[in-house]
PDB file of N, CA and C in Angstrom:
ATOM      1  N   MET A   1     -15.869 -43.726  24.777  1.00  0.00           N
ATOM      2  CA  MET A   1     -16.348 -44.568  23.707  1.00  0.00           C
ATOM      3  C   MET A   1     -15.684 -45.938  23.809  1.00  0.00           C
ATOM      4  N   GLU A   2     -16.465 -47.004  23.648  1.00  0.00           N
ATOM      5  CA  GLU A   2     -15.943 -48.367  23.708  1.00  0.00           C
ATOM      6  C   GLU A   2     -15.183 -48.717  22.441  1.00  0.00           C
ATOM      7  N   PRO A   3     -14.195 -49.614  22.583  1.00  0.00           N
ATOM      8  CA  PRO A   3     -13.520 -50.074  21.373  1.00  0.00           C
ATOM      9  C   PRO A   3     -14.498 -50.855  20.497  1.00  0.00           C
ATOM     10  N   ASN A   4     -14.325 -50.758  19.220  1.00  0.00           N
ATOM     11  CA  ASN A   4     -15.222 -51.381  18.262  1.00  0.00           C
ATOM     12  C   ASN A   4     -14.661 -52.743  17.854  1.00  0.00           C
ATOM     13  N   GLU A   5     -14.379 -53.592  18.842  1.00  0.00           N
ATOM     14  CA  GLU A   5     -13.755 -54.880  18.595  1.00  0.00           C
ATOM     15  C   GLU A   5     -14.810 -55.963  18.455  1.00  0.00           C
ATOM     16  N   THR A   6     -14.531 -56.926  17.599  1.00  0.00           N
ATOM     17  CA  THR A   6     -15.462 -58.037  17.390  1.00  0.00           C
ATOM     18  C   THR A   6     -15.075 -59.211  18.266  1.00  0.00           C
ATOM     19  N   GLY A   7     -15.978 -60.164  18.389  1.00  0.00           N
ATOM     20  CA  GLY A   7     -15.717 -61.363  19.162  1.00  0.00           C
ATOM     21  C   GLY A   7     -14.770 -62.301  18.443  1.00  0.00           C
ATOM     22  N   LEU A   8     -14.313 -63.301  19.166  1.00  0.00           N
ATOM     23  CA  LEU A   8     -13.337 -64.252  18.645  1.00  0.00           C
ATOM     24  C   LEU A   8     -13.844 -64.959  17.392  1.00  0.00           C
ATOM     25  N   TYR A   9     -15.009 -65.557  17.463  1.00  0.00           N
ATOM     26  CA  TYR A   9     -15.514 -66.320  16.321  1.00  0.00           C
ATOM     27  C   TYR A   9     -15.991 -65.416  15.189  1.00  0.00           C
ATOM     28  N   THR A  10     -16.465 -64.234  15.526  1.00  0.00           N
ATOM     29  CA  THR A  10     -16.853 -63.282  14.479  1.00  0.00           C
ATOM     30  C   THR A  10     -15.633 -62.894  13.656  1.00  0.00           C
ATOM     31  N   SER A  11     -14.546 -62.581  14.330  1.00  0.00           N
ATOM     32  CA  SER A  11     -13.315 -62.199  13.636  1.00  0.00           C
ATOM     33  C   SER A  11     -12.740 -63.358  12.839  1.00  0.00           C
ATOM     34  N   SER A  12     -12.611 -64.515  13.484  1.00  0.00           N
ATOM     35  CA  SER A  12     -11.944 -65.630  12.807  1.00  0.00           C
ATOM     36  C   SER A  12     -12.758 -66.143  11.622  1.00  0.00           C
ATOM     37  N   PHE A  13     -14.062 -66.281  11.773  1.00  0.00           N
ATOM     38  CA  PHE A  13     -14.857 -66.774  10.656  1.00  0.00           C
ATOM     39  C   PHE A  13     -15.129 -65.678   9.620  1.00  0.00           C
ATOM     40  N   GLY A  14     -15.100 -64.417  10.031  1.00  0.00           N
ATOM     41  CA  GLY A  14     -15.194 -63.325   9.064  1.00  0.00           C
ATOM     42  C   GLY A  14     -13.969 -63.282   8.167  1.00  0.00           C
ATOM     43  N   MET A  15     -12.787 -63.420   8.767  1.00  0.00           N
ATOM     44  CA  MET A  15     -11.560 -63.466   7.960  1.00  0.00           C
ATOM     45  C   MET A  15     -11.525 -64.734   7.115  1.00  0.00           C
ATOM     46  N   SER A  16     -12.030 -65.828   7.653  1.00  0.00           N
ATOM     47  CA  SER A  16     -12.114 -67.066   6.880  1.00  0.00           C
ATOM     48  C   SER A  16     -13.001 -66.873   5.657  1.00  0.00           C
ATOM     49  N   PHE A  17     -14.102 -66.158   5.826  1.00  0.00           N
ATOM     50  CA  PHE A  17     -14.986 -65.868   4.689  1.00  0.00           C
ATOM     51  C   PHE A  17     -14.258 -65.058   3.622  1.00  0.00           C
ATOM     52  N   ALA A  18     -13.519 -64.040   4.040  1.00  0.00           N
ATOM     53  CA  ALA A  18     -12.799 -63.192   3.086  1.00  0.00           C
ATOM     54  C   ALA A  18     -11.768 -64.007   2.308  1.00  0.00           C
ATOM     55  N   ILE A  19     -11.019 -64.840   2.999  1.00  0.00           N
ATOM     56  CA  ILE A  19     -10.007 -65.670   2.338  1.00  0.00           C
ATOM     57  C   ILE A  19     -10.667 -66.693   1.426  1.00  0.00           C
ATOM     58  N   THR A  20     -11.717 -67.344   1.905  1.00  0.00           N
ATOM     59  CA  THR A  20     -12.410 -68.358   1.114  1.00  0.00           C
ATOM     60  C   THR A  20     -13.026 -67.748  -0.143  1.00  0.00           C
ATOM     61  N   SER A  21     -13.498 -66.536  -0.062  1.00  0.00           N
ATOM     62  CA  SER A  21     -14.077 -65.866  -1.225  1.00  0.00           C
ATOM     63  C   SER A  21     -13.049 -65.718  -2.344  1.00  0.00           C
ATOM     64  N   ILE A  22     -11.858 -65.294  -1.993  1.00  0.00           N
ATOM     65  CA  ILE A  22     -10.808 -65.122  -3.004  1.00  0.00           C
ATOM     66  C   ILE A  22     -10.337 -66.473  -3.535  1.00  0.00           C
ATOM     67  N   VAL A  23     -10.172 -67.446  -2.647  1.00  0.00           N
ATOM     68  CA  VAL A  23      -9.765 -68.786  -3.092  1.00  0.00           C
ATOM     69  C   VAL A  23     -10.819 -69.382  -4.015  1.00  0.00           C
ATOM     70  N   SER A  24     -12.083 -69.165  -3.720  1.00  0.00           N
ATOM     71  CA  SER A  24     -13.163 -69.678  -4.562  1.00  0.00           C
ATOM     72  C   SER A  24     -13.097 -69.082  -5.965  1.00  0.00           C
ATOM     73  N   ALA A  25     -12.806 -67.799  -6.066  1.00  0.00           N
ATOM     74  CA  ALA A  25     -12.667 -67.172  -7.384  1.00  0.00           C
ATOM     75  C   ALA A  25     -11.490 -67.772  -8.144  1.00  0.00           C
ATOM     76  N   ILE A  26     -10.412 -68.044  -7.433  1.00  0.00           N
ATOM     77  CA  ILE A  26      -9.249 -68.661  -8.076  1.00  0.00           C
ATOM     78  C   ILE A  26      -9.587 -70.081  -8.548  1.00  0.00           C
ATOM     79  N   ILE A  27     -10.364 -70.810  -7.759  1.00  0.00           N
ATOM     80  CA  ILE A  27     -10.794 -72.154  -8.176  1.00  0.00           C
ATOM     81  C   ILE A  27     -11.614 -72.071  -9.453  1.00  0.00           C
ATOM     82  N   VAL A  28     -12.513 -71.105  -9.558  1.00  0.00           N
ATOM     83  CA  VAL A  28     -13.315 -70.938 -10.777  1.00  0.00           C
ATOM     84  C   VAL A  28     -12.393 -70.741 -11.975  1.00  0.00           C
ATOM     85  N   ILE A  29     -11.418 -69.877 -11.848  1.00  0.00           N
ATOM     86  CA  ILE A  29     -10.514 -69.585 -12.959  1.00  0.00           C
ATOM     87  C   ILE A  29      -9.692 -70.822 -13.325  1.00  0.00           C
ATOM     88  N   VAL A  30      -9.175 -71.516 -12.323  1.00  0.00           N
ATOM     89  CA  VAL A  30      -8.350 -72.702 -12.583  1.00  0.00           C
ATOM     90  C   VAL A  30      -9.166 -73.804 -13.241  1.00  0.00           C
ATOM     91  N   LYS A  31     -10.360 -74.072 -12.721  1.00  0.00           N
ATOM     92  CA  LYS A  31     -11.134 -75.175 -13.304  1.00  0.00           C
ATOM     93  C   LYS A  31     -11.657 -74.842 -14.696  1.00  0.00           C
ATOM     94  N   GLU A  32     -12.007 -73.596 -14.952  1.00  0.00           N
ATOM     95  CA  GLU A  32     -12.475 -73.229 -16.286  1.00  0.00           C
ATOM     96  C   GLU A  32     -11.326 -73.162 -17.294  1.00  0.00           C
ATOM     97  N   SER A  33     -10.113 -72.956 -16.815  1.00  0.00           N
ATOM     98  CA  SER A  33      -8.950 -72.927 -17.700  1.00  0.00           C
ATOM     99  C   SER A  33      -8.410 -74.323 -17.991  1.00  0.00           C
ATOM    100  N   ASN A  34      -8.775 -75.288 -17.165  1.00  0.00           N
ATOM    101  CA  ASN A  34      -8.258 -76.649 -17.292  1.00  0.00           C
ATOM    102  C   ASN A  34      -9.408 -77.648 -17.320  1.00  0.00           C
ATOM    103  N   GLU A  35     -10.185 -77.605 -18.375  1.00  0.00           N
ATOM    104  CA  GLU A  35     -11.386 -78.442 -18.455  1.00  0.00           C
ATOM    105  C   GLU A  35     -11.074 -79.929 -18.527  1.00  0.00           C
ATOM    106  N   GLU A  36      -9.973 -80.278 -19.172  1.00  0.00           N
ATOM    107  CA  GLU A  36      -9.649 -81.692 -19.339  1.00  0.00           C
ATOM    108  C   GLU A  36      -9.076 -82.321 -18.069  1.00  0.00           C
ATOM    109  N   THR A  37      -8.580 -81.505 -17.164  1.00  0.00           N
ATOM    110  CA  THR A  37      -7.960 -82.054 -15.959  1.00  0.00           C
ATOM    111  C   THR A  37      -8.748 -81.686 -14.700  1.00  0.00           C
ATOM    112  N   VAL A  38      -8.645 -80.444 -14.274  1.00  0.00           N
ATOM    113  CA  VAL A  38      -9.266 -80.022 -13.010  1.00  0.00           C
ATOM    114  C   VAL A  38     -10.786 -80.132 -13.073  1.00  0.00           C
ATOM    115  N   LEU A  39     -11.393 -79.584 -14.110  1.00  0.00           N
ATOM    116  CA  LEU A  39     -12.854 -79.634 -14.226  1.00  0.00           C
ATOM    117  C   LEU A  39     -13.343 -81.068 -14.336  1.00  0.00           C
ATOM    118  N   ALA A  40     -12.637 -81.891 -15.106  1.00  0.00           N
ATOM    119  CA  ALA A  40     -13.028 -83.292 -15.246  1.00  0.00           C
ATOM    120  C   ALA A  40     -12.927 -84.024 -13.909  1.00  0.00           C
ATOM    121  N   TRP A  41     -11.868 -83.739 -13.144  1.00  0.00           N
ATOM    122  CA  TRP A  41     -11.722 -84.369 -11.831  1.00  0.00           C
ATOM    123  C   TRP A  41     -12.846 -83.920 -10.892  1.00  0.00           C
ATOM    124  N   MET A  42     -13.156 -82.637 -10.919  1.00  0.00           N
ATOM    125  CA  MET A  42     -14.209 -82.129 -10.045  1.00  0.00           C
ATOM    126  C   MET A  42     -15.561 -82.721 -10.404  1.00  0.00           C
ATOM    127  N   LYS A  43     -15.826 -82.920 -11.691  1.00  0.00           N
ATOM    128  CA  LYS A  43     -17.068 -83.564 -12.117  1.00  0.00           C
ATOM    129  C   LYS A  43     -17.111 -85.008 -11.634  1.00  0.00           C
ATOM    130  N   ALA A  44     -15.989 -85.708 -11.753  1.00  0.00           N
ATOM    131  CA  ALA A  44     -15.932 -87.116 -11.365  1.00  0.00           C
ATOM    132  C   ALA A  44     -16.059 -87.301  -9.848  1.00  0.00           C
ATOM    133  N   ALA A  45     -15.581 -86.335  -9.090  1.00  0.00           N
ATOM    134  CA  ALA A  45     -15.580 -86.468  -7.630  1.00  0.00           C
ATOM    135  C   ALA A  45     -16.989 -86.491  -7.036  1.00  0.00           C
ATOM    136  N   THR A  46     -17.892 -85.658  -7.557  1.00  0.00           N
ATOM    137  CA  THR A  46     -19.239 -85.574  -6.968  1.00  0.00           C
ATOM    138  C   THR A  46     -20.350 -85.507  -8.016  1.00  0.00           C
ATOM    139  N   CYS A  47     -20.077 -85.906  -9.205  1.00  0.00           N
ATOM    140  CA  CYS A  47     -21.043 -85.909 -10.314  1.00  0.00           C
ATOM    141  C   CYS A  47     -21.258 -84.531 -10.935  1.00  0.00           C
ATOM    142  N   HIS A  48     -20.882 -83.457 -10.255  1.00  0.00           N
ATOM    143  CA  HIS A  48     -20.986 -82.121 -10.845  1.00  0.00           C
ATOM    144  C   HIS A  48     -19.916 -81.227 -10.225  1.00  0.00           C
ATOM    145  N   HIS A  49     -19.251 -80.452 -11.069  1.00  0.00           N
ATOM    146  CA  HIS A  49     -18.134 -79.637 -10.590  1.00  0.00           C
ATOM    147  C   HIS A  49     -18.556 -78.573  -9.591  1.00  0.00           C
ATOM    148  N   TRP A  50     -19.781 -78.076  -9.672  1.00  0.00           N
ATOM    149  CA  TRP A  50     -20.206 -77.054  -8.710  1.00  0.00           C
ATOM    150  C   TRP A  50     -20.432 -77.644  -7.321  1.00  0.00           C
ATOM    151  N   ILE A  51     -20.811 -78.913  -7.251  1.00  0.00           N
ATOM    152  CA  ILE A  51     -20.952 -79.560  -5.935  1.00  0.00           C
ATOM    153  C   ILE A  51     -19.574 -79.689  -5.296  1.00  0.00           C
ATOM    154  N   THR A  52     -18.591 -80.146  -6.076  1.00  0.00           N
ATOM    155  CA  THR A  52     -17.225 -80.264  -5.561  1.00  0.00           C
ATOM    156  C   THR A  52     -16.696 -78.894  -5.148  1.00  0.00           C
ATOM    157  N   HIS A  53     -16.959 -77.900  -5.955  1.00  0.00           N
ATOM    158  CA  HIS A  53     -16.513 -76.536  -5.659  1.00  0.00           C
ATOM    159  C   HIS A  53     -17.143 -76.046  -4.349  1.00  0.00           C
ATOM    160  N   GLY A  54     -18.442 -76.225  -4.207  1.00  0.00           N
ATOM    161  CA  GLY A  54     -19.130 -75.791  -2.993  1.00  0.00           C
ATOM    162  C   GLY A  54     -18.641 -76.509  -1.749  1.00  0.00           C
ATOM    163  N   LEU A  55     -18.430 -77.818  -1.857  1.00  0.00           N
ATOM    164  CA  LEU A  55     -17.912 -78.573  -0.718  1.00  0.00           C
ATOM    165  C   LEU A  55     -16.501 -78.117  -0.356  1.00  0.00           C
ATOM    166  N   SER A  56     -15.680 -77.848  -1.368  1.00  0.00           N
ATOM    167  CA  SER A  56     -14.325 -77.346  -1.114  1.00  0.00           C
ATOM    168  C   SER A  56     -14.372 -76.007  -0.386  1.00  0.00           C
ATOM    169  N   ASP A  57     -15.256 -75.125  -0.830  1.00  0.00           N
ATOM    170  CA  ASP A  57     -15.409 -73.822  -0.177  1.00  0.00           C
ATOM    171  C   ASP A  57     -15.861 -73.980   1.276  1.00  0.00           C
ATOM    172  N   LEU A  58     -16.825 -74.841   1.491  1.00  0.00           N
ATOM    173  CA  LEU A  58     -17.353 -75.050   2.838  1.00  0.00           C
ATOM    174  C   LEU A  58     -16.284 -75.617   3.769  1.00  0.00           C
ATOM    175  N   ILE A  59     -15.550 -76.618   3.300  1.00  0.00           N
ATOM    176  CA  ILE A  59     -14.486 -77.222   4.110  1.00  0.00           C
ATOM    177  C   ILE A  59     -13.408 -76.193   4.418  1.00  0.00           C
ATOM    178  N   LEU A  60     -12.997 -75.426   3.418  1.00  0.00           N
ATOM    179  CA  LEU A  60     -11.971 -74.398   3.632  1.00  0.00           C
ATOM    180  C   LEU A  60     -12.452 -73.344   4.625  1.00  0.00           C
ATOM    181  N   PHE A  61     -13.695 -72.895   4.480  1.00  0.00           N
ATOM    182  CA  PHE A  61     -14.253 -71.882   5.377  1.00  0.00           C
ATOM    183  C   PHE A  61     -14.253 -72.361   6.831  1.00  0.00           C
ATOM    184  N   VAL A  62     -14.753 -73.558   7.066  1.00  0.00           N
ATOM    185  CA  VAL A  62     -14.826 -74.084   8.442  1.00  0.00           C
ATOM    186  C   VAL A  62     -13.420 -74.317   8.995  1.00  0.00           C
ATOM    187  N   PHE A  63     -12.545 -74.917   8.184  1.00  0.00           N
ATOM    188  CA  PHE A  63     -11.188 -75.196   8.642  1.00  0.00           C
ATOM    189  C   PHE A  63     -10.442 -73.904   8.984  1.00  0.00           C
ATOM    190  N   LEU A  64     -10.463 -72.929   8.084  1.00  0.00           N
ATOM    191  CA  LEU A  64      -9.765 -71.662   8.348  1.00  0.00           C
ATOM    192  C   LEU A  64     -10.351 -70.929   9.557  1.00  0.00           C
ATOM    193  N   GLY A  65     -11.671 -70.915   9.657  1.00  0.00           N
ATOM    194  CA  GLY A  65     -12.302 -70.265  10.805  1.00  0.00           C
ATOM    195  C   GLY A  65     -11.877 -70.899  12.113  1.00  0.00           C
ATOM    196  N   TRP A  66     -11.823 -72.227  12.119  1.00  0.00           N
ATOM    197  CA  TRP A  66     -11.416 -72.952  13.326  1.00  0.00           C
ATOM    198  C   TRP A  66      -9.953 -72.670  13.648  1.00  0.00           C
ATOM    199  N   VAL A  67      -9.077 -72.759  12.633  1.00  0.00           N
ATOM    200  CA  VAL A  67      -7.646 -72.521  12.837  1.00  0.00           C
ATOM    201  C   VAL A  67      -7.407 -71.091  13.323  1.00  0.00           C
ATOM    202  N   LEU A  68      -8.040 -70.117  12.676  1.00  0.00           N
ATOM    203  CA  LEU A  68      -7.841 -68.726  13.084  1.00  0.00           C
ATOM    204  C   LEU A  68      -8.345 -68.464  14.498  1.00  0.00           C
ATOM    205  N   SER A  69      -9.384 -69.174  14.914  1.00  0.00           N
ATOM    206  CA  SER A  69      -9.891 -68.978  16.277  1.00  0.00           C
ATOM    207  C   SER A  69      -8.972 -69.589  17.329  1.00  0.00           C
ATOM    208  N   LYS A  70      -8.117 -70.528  16.918  1.00  0.00           N
ATOM    209  CA  LYS A  70      -7.221 -71.200  17.869  1.00  0.00           C
ATOM    210  C   LYS A  70      -5.823 -70.585  17.919  1.00  0.00           C
ATOM    211  N   LEU A  71      -5.435 -69.803  16.912  1.00  0.00           N
ATOM    212  CA  LEU A  71      -4.092 -69.227  16.888  1.00  0.00           C
ATOM    213  C   LEU A  71      -3.888 -68.257  18.041  1.00  0.00           C
ATOM    214  N   ASP A  72      -2.771 -68.383  18.715  1.00  0.00           N
ATOM    215  CA  ASP A  72      -2.394 -67.479  19.799  1.00  0.00           C
ATOM    216  C   ASP A  72      -3.512 -67.336  20.829  1.00  0.00           C
ATOM    217  N   ASN A  73      -4.129 -68.443  21.168  1.00  0.00           N
ATOM    218  CA  ASN A  73      -5.236 -68.479  22.141  1.00  0.00           C
ATOM    219  C   ASN A  73      -6.370 -67.530  21.779  1.00  0.00           C
ATOM    220  N   GLY A  74      -6.613 -67.371  20.493  1.00  0.00           N
ATOM    221  CA  GLY A  74      -7.716 -66.539  20.036  1.00  0.00           C
ATOM    222  C   GLY A  74      -7.404 -65.066  19.908  1.00  0.00           C
ATOM    223  N   ASN A  75      -6.157 -64.682  20.135  1.00  0.00           N
ATOM    224  CA  ASN A  75      -5.785 -63.269  20.054  1.00  0.00           C
ATOM    225  C   ASN A  75      -5.259 -62.870  18.677  1.00  0.00           C
ATOM    226  N   CYS A  76      -5.120 -63.833  17.797  1.00  0.00           N
ATOM    227  CA  CYS A  76      -4.499 -63.571  16.501  1.00  0.00           C
ATOM    228  C   CYS A  76      -5.359 -62.675  15.609  1.00  0.00           C
ATOM    229  N   VAL A  77      -6.648 -62.880  15.602  1.00  0.00           N
ATOM    230  CA  VAL A  77      -7.508 -62.146  14.671  1.00  0.00           C
ATOM    231  C   VAL A  77      -8.479 -61.197  15.366  1.00  0.00           C
ATOM    232  N   ARG A  78      -8.114 -60.679  16.482  1.00  0.00           N
ATOM    233  CA  ARG A  78      -8.955 -59.678  17.149  1.00  0.00           C
ATOM    234  C   ARG A  78      -8.827 -58.360  16.398  1.00  0.00           C
ATOM    235  N   ILE A  79      -9.859 -58.024  15.647  1.00  0.00           N
ATOM    236  CA  ILE A  79      -9.825 -56.796  14.852  1.00  0.00           C
ATOM    237  C   ILE A  79     -11.114 -56.018  15.058  1.00  0.00           C
ATOM    238  N   SER A  80     -11.102 -54.781  14.644  1.00  0.00           N
ATOM    239  CA  SER A  80     -12.296 -53.957  14.801  1.00  0.00           C
ATOM    240  C   SER A  80     -13.365 -54.392  13.807  1.00  0.00           C
ATOM    241  N   ALA A  81     -14.576 -54.065  14.128  1.00  0.00           N
ATOM    242  CA  ALA A  81     -15.693 -54.414  13.246  1.00  0.00           C
ATOM    243  C   ALA A  81     -15.557 -53.729  11.896  1.00  0.00           C
ATOM    244  N   ASN A  82     -15.104 -52.479  11.901  1.00  0.00           N
ATOM    245  CA  ASN A  82     -14.940 -51.753  10.640  1.00  0.00           C
ATOM    246  C   ASN A  82     -13.896 -52.398   9.745  1.00  0.00           C
ATOM    247  N   LEU A  83     -12.781 -52.838  10.332  1.00  0.00           N
ATOM    248  CA  LEU A  83     -11.746 -53.503   9.556  1.00  0.00           C
ATOM    249  C   LEU A  83     -12.248 -54.840   9.019  1.00  0.00           C
ATOM    250  N   LEU A  84     -13.013 -55.555   9.813  1.00  0.00           N
ATOM    251  CA  LEU A  84     -13.570 -56.837   9.372  1.00  0.00           C
ATOM    252  C   LEU A  84     -14.548 -56.631   8.214  1.00  0.00           C
ATOM    253  N   ILE A  85     -15.419 -55.661   8.342  1.00  0.00           N
ATOM    254  CA  ILE A  85     -16.379 -55.362   7.262  1.00  0.00           C
ATOM    255  C   ILE A  85     -15.638 -54.953   5.993  1.00  0.00           C
ATOM    256  N   GLY A  86     -14.626 -54.116   6.141  1.00  0.00           N
ATOM    257  CA  GLY A  86     -13.832 -53.689   4.991  1.00  0.00           C
ATOM    258  C   GLY A  86     -13.100 -54.856   4.338  1.00  0.00           C
ATOM    259  N   SER A  87     -12.589 -55.769   5.154  1.00  0.00           N
ATOM    260  CA  SER A  87     -11.890 -56.943   4.618  1.00  0.00           C
ATOM    261  C   SER A  87     -12.842 -57.842   3.839  1.00  0.00           C
ATOM    262  N   ILE A  88     -14.006 -58.069   4.387  1.00  0.00           N
ATOM    263  CA  ILE A  88     -14.992 -58.916   3.708  1.00  0.00           C
ATOM    264  C   ILE A  88     -15.462 -58.259   2.415  1.00  0.00           C
ATOM    265  N   ALA A  89     -15.811 -56.983   2.483  1.00  0.00           N
ATOM    266  CA  ALA A  89     -16.274 -56.278   1.284  1.00  0.00           C
ATOM    267  C   ALA A  89     -15.180 -56.239   0.222  1.00  0.00           C
ATOM    268  N   GLY A  90     -13.955 -55.955   0.632  1.00  0.00           N
ATOM    269  CA  GLY A  90     -12.838 -55.923  -0.305  1.00  0.00           C
ATOM    270  C   GLY A  90     -12.602 -57.272  -0.958  1.00  0.00           C
ATOM    271  N   ALA A  91     -12.691 -58.343  -0.179  1.00  0.00           N
ATOM    272  CA  ALA A  91     -12.490 -59.688  -0.722  1.00  0.00           C
ATOM    273  C   ALA A  91     -13.577 -60.049  -1.729  1.00  0.00           C
ATOM    274  N   VAL A  92     -14.809 -59.673  -1.437  1.00  0.00           N
ATOM    275  CA  VAL A  92     -15.908 -59.965  -2.370  1.00  0.00           C
ATOM    276  C   VAL A  92     -15.740 -59.177  -3.666  1.00  0.00           C
ATOM    277  N   VAL A  93     -15.327 -57.922  -3.555  1.00  0.00           N
ATOM    278  CA  VAL A  93     -15.088 -57.109  -4.756  1.00  0.00           C
ATOM    279  C   VAL A  93     -13.935 -57.695  -5.571  1.00  0.00           C
ATOM    280  N   ILE A  94     -12.849 -58.051  -4.924  1.00  0.00           N
ATOM    281  CA  ILE A  94     -11.700 -58.643  -5.623  1.00  0.00           C
ATOM    282  C   ILE A  94     -12.100 -59.952  -6.295  1.00  0.00           C
ATOM    283  N   SER A  95     -12.838 -60.798  -5.594  1.00  0.00           N
ATOM    284  CA  SER A  95     -13.290 -62.072  -6.159  1.00  0.00           C
ATOM    285  C   SER A  95     -14.162 -61.845  -7.388  1.00  0.00           C
ATOM    286  N   SER A  96     -15.081 -60.904  -7.286  1.00  0.00           N
ATOM    287  CA  SER A  96     -15.966 -60.595  -8.414  1.00  0.00           C
ATOM    288  C   SER A  96     -15.181 -60.085  -9.609  1.00  0.00           C
ATOM    289  N   LEU A  97     -14.223 -59.200  -9.355  1.00  0.00           N
ATOM    290  CA  LEU A  97     -13.398 -58.665 -10.435  1.00  0.00           C
ATOM    291  C   LEU A  97     -12.540 -59.750 -11.083  1.00  0.00           C
ATOM    292  N   LEU A  98     -12.023 -60.662 -10.277  1.00  0.00           N
ATOM    293  CA  LEU A  98     -11.235 -61.763 -10.828  1.00  0.00           C
ATOM    294  C   LEU A  98     -12.066 -62.613 -11.788  1.00  0.00           C
ATOM    295  N   ILE A  99     -13.246 -63.017 -11.341  1.00  0.00           N
ATOM    296  CA  ILE A  99     -14.095 -63.866 -12.178  1.00  0.00           C
ATOM    297  C   ILE A  99     -14.584 -63.102 -13.404  1.00  0.00           C
ATOM    298  N   MET A 100     -15.020 -61.878 -13.214  1.00  0.00           N
ATOM    299  CA  MET A 100     -15.505 -61.079 -14.328  1.00  0.00           C
ATOM    300  C   MET A 100     -14.386 -60.828 -15.336  1.00  0.00           C
ATOM    301  N   GLY A 101     -13.215 -60.492 -14.858  1.00  0.00           N
ATOM    302  CA  GLY A 101     -12.080 -60.267 -15.738  1.00  0.00           C
ATOM    303  C   GLY A 101     -11.700 -61.509 -16.506  1.00  0.00           C
ATOM    304  N   PHE A 102     -11.754 -62.647 -15.835  1.00  0.00           N
ATOM    305  CA  PHE A 102     -11.437 -63.904 -16.511  1.00  0.00           C
ATOM    306  C   PHE A 102     -12.396 -64.162 -17.668  1.00  0.00           C
ATOM    307  N   TYR A 103     -13.687 -64.034 -17.411  1.00  0.00           N
ATOM    308  CA  TYR A 103     -14.657 -64.325 -18.467  1.00  0.00           C
ATOM    309  C   TYR A 103     -14.668 -63.264 -19.572  1.00  0.00           C
ATOM    310  N   ILE A 104     -14.353 -62.026 -19.247  1.00  0.00           N
ATOM    311  CA  ILE A 104     -14.296 -60.987 -20.276  1.00  0.00           C
ATOM    312  C   ILE A 104     -13.063 -61.175 -21.162  1.00  0.00           C
ATOM    313  N   LEU A 105     -11.944 -61.533 -20.564  1.00  0.00           N
ATOM    314  CA  LEU A 105     -10.702 -61.645 -21.313  1.00  0.00           C
ATOM    315  C   LEU A 105     -10.485 -63.009 -21.961  1.00  0.00           C
ATOM    316  N   ARG A 106     -11.213 -64.005 -21.508  1.00  0.00           N
ATOM    317  CA  ARG A 106     -11.052 -65.352 -22.061  1.00  0.00           C
ATOM    318  C   ARG A 106     -11.612 -65.409 -23.472  1.00  0.00           C
ATOM    319  N   PRO A 107     -10.875 -66.020 -24.392  1.00  0.00           N
ATOM    320  CA  PRO A 107     -11.426 -66.176 -25.744  1.00  0.00           C
ATOM    321  C   PRO A 107     -12.696 -67.031 -25.694  1.00  0.00           C
ATOM    322  N   SER A 108     -13.701 -66.566 -26.371  1.00  0.00           N
ATOM    323  CA  SER A 108     -14.979 -67.262 -26.358  1.00  0.00           C
ATOM    324  C   SER A 108     -14.897 -68.549 -27.161  1.00  0.00           C
ATOM    325  N   ARG A 109     -15.611 -69.580 -26.704  1.00  0.00           N
ATOM    326  CA  ARG A 109     -15.633 -70.843 -27.415  1.00  0.00           C
ATOM    327  C   ARG A 109     -16.872 -70.980 -28.275  1.00  0.00           C
ATOM    328  N   ASN A 110     -17.783 -70.046 -28.197  1.00  0.00           N
ATOM    329  CA  ASN A 110     -18.967 -70.193 -29.037  1.00  0.00           C
ATOM    330  C   ASN A 110     -18.729 -69.482 -30.374  1.00  0.00           C
ATOM    331  N   PRO A 111     -19.481 -69.864 -31.404  1.00  0.00           N
ATOM    332  CA  PRO A 111     -19.214 -69.339 -32.748  1.00  0.00           C
ATOM    333  C   PRO A 111     -19.567 -67.862 -32.923  1.00  0.00           C
ATOM    334  N   TYR A 112     -20.272 -67.290 -31.977  1.00  0.00           N
ATOM    335  CA  TYR A 112     -20.653 -65.892 -32.092  1.00  0.00           C
ATOM    336  C   TYR A 112     -19.582 -65.025 -31.452  1.00  0.00           C
ATOM    337  N   ARG A 113     -19.367 -63.878 -32.002  1.00  0.00           N
ATOM    338  CA  ARG A 113     -18.423 -62.928 -31.437  1.00  0.00           C
ATOM    339  C   ARG A 113     -19.157 -62.146 -30.356  1.00  0.00           C
ATOM    340  N   CYS A 114     -18.709 -62.271 -29.135  1.00  0.00           N
ATOM    341  CA  CYS A 114     -19.387 -61.600 -28.030  1.00  0.00           C
ATOM    342  C   CYS A 114     -18.509 -60.488 -27.464  1.00  0.00           C
ATOM    343  N   GLU A 115     -19.117 -59.358 -27.271  1.00  0.00           N
ATOM    344  CA  GLU A 115     -18.472 -58.250 -26.621  1.00  0.00           C
ATOM    345  C   GLU A 115     -19.327 -57.868 -25.423  1.00  0.00           C
ATOM    346  N   LEU A 116     -18.793 -58.137 -24.268  1.00  0.00           N
ATOM    347  CA  LEU A 116     -19.496 -57.978 -22.996  1.00  0.00           C
ATOM    348  C   LEU A 116     -20.829 -58.718 -23.051  1.00  0.00           C
ATOM    349  N   PHE A 117     -21.951 -58.026 -23.124  1.00  0.00           N
ATOM    350  CA  PHE A 117     -23.240 -58.689 -23.034  1.00  0.00           C
ATOM    351  C   PHE A 117     -23.938 -58.831 -24.389  1.00  0.00           C
ATOM    352  N   PHE A 118     -23.310 -58.369 -25.443  1.00  0.00           N
ATOM    353  CA  PHE A 118     -23.961 -58.380 -26.755  1.00  0.00           C
ATOM    354  C   PHE A 118     -23.230 -59.323 -27.694  1.00  0.00           C
ATOM    355  N   CYS A 119     -23.942 -60.249 -28.287  1.00  0.00           N
ATOM    356  CA  CYS A 119     -23.367 -61.179 -29.253  1.00  0.00           C
ATOM    357  C   CYS A 119     -23.839 -60.823 -30.642  1.00  0.00           C
ATOM    358  N   VAL A 120     -22.937 -60.853 -31.576  1.00  0.00           N
ATOM    359  CA  VAL A 120     -23.287 -60.532 -32.971  1.00  0.00           C
ATOM    360  C   VAL A 120     -22.882 -61.685 -33.876  1.00  0.00           C
TER     361      VAL A 120
END
């Protein structure tokens, strides 16, 4: 049976995706917690905070993928396909839980009392 190893760019950009996913969730939490500073700066930078957020994610993804592909002559992130898939899936689940937990636990700013999906 052949080893289930991925290629250099598949591994490096796959790990970059996993890292960027978690960083993106942290950016959401930071900007929503700091509307007067971080969110205002992000709005001013590109006219809308989601554009700034998306550009930041894209730059981080490309930069990390490139750096990881160059470390140790490309031998740094040689991992199996199963481990790469697990890392990506785990990062997406963690990112989703972070954002969901933030919005569930954050005190609501609207006048209605909301519990999960139902407002009364």
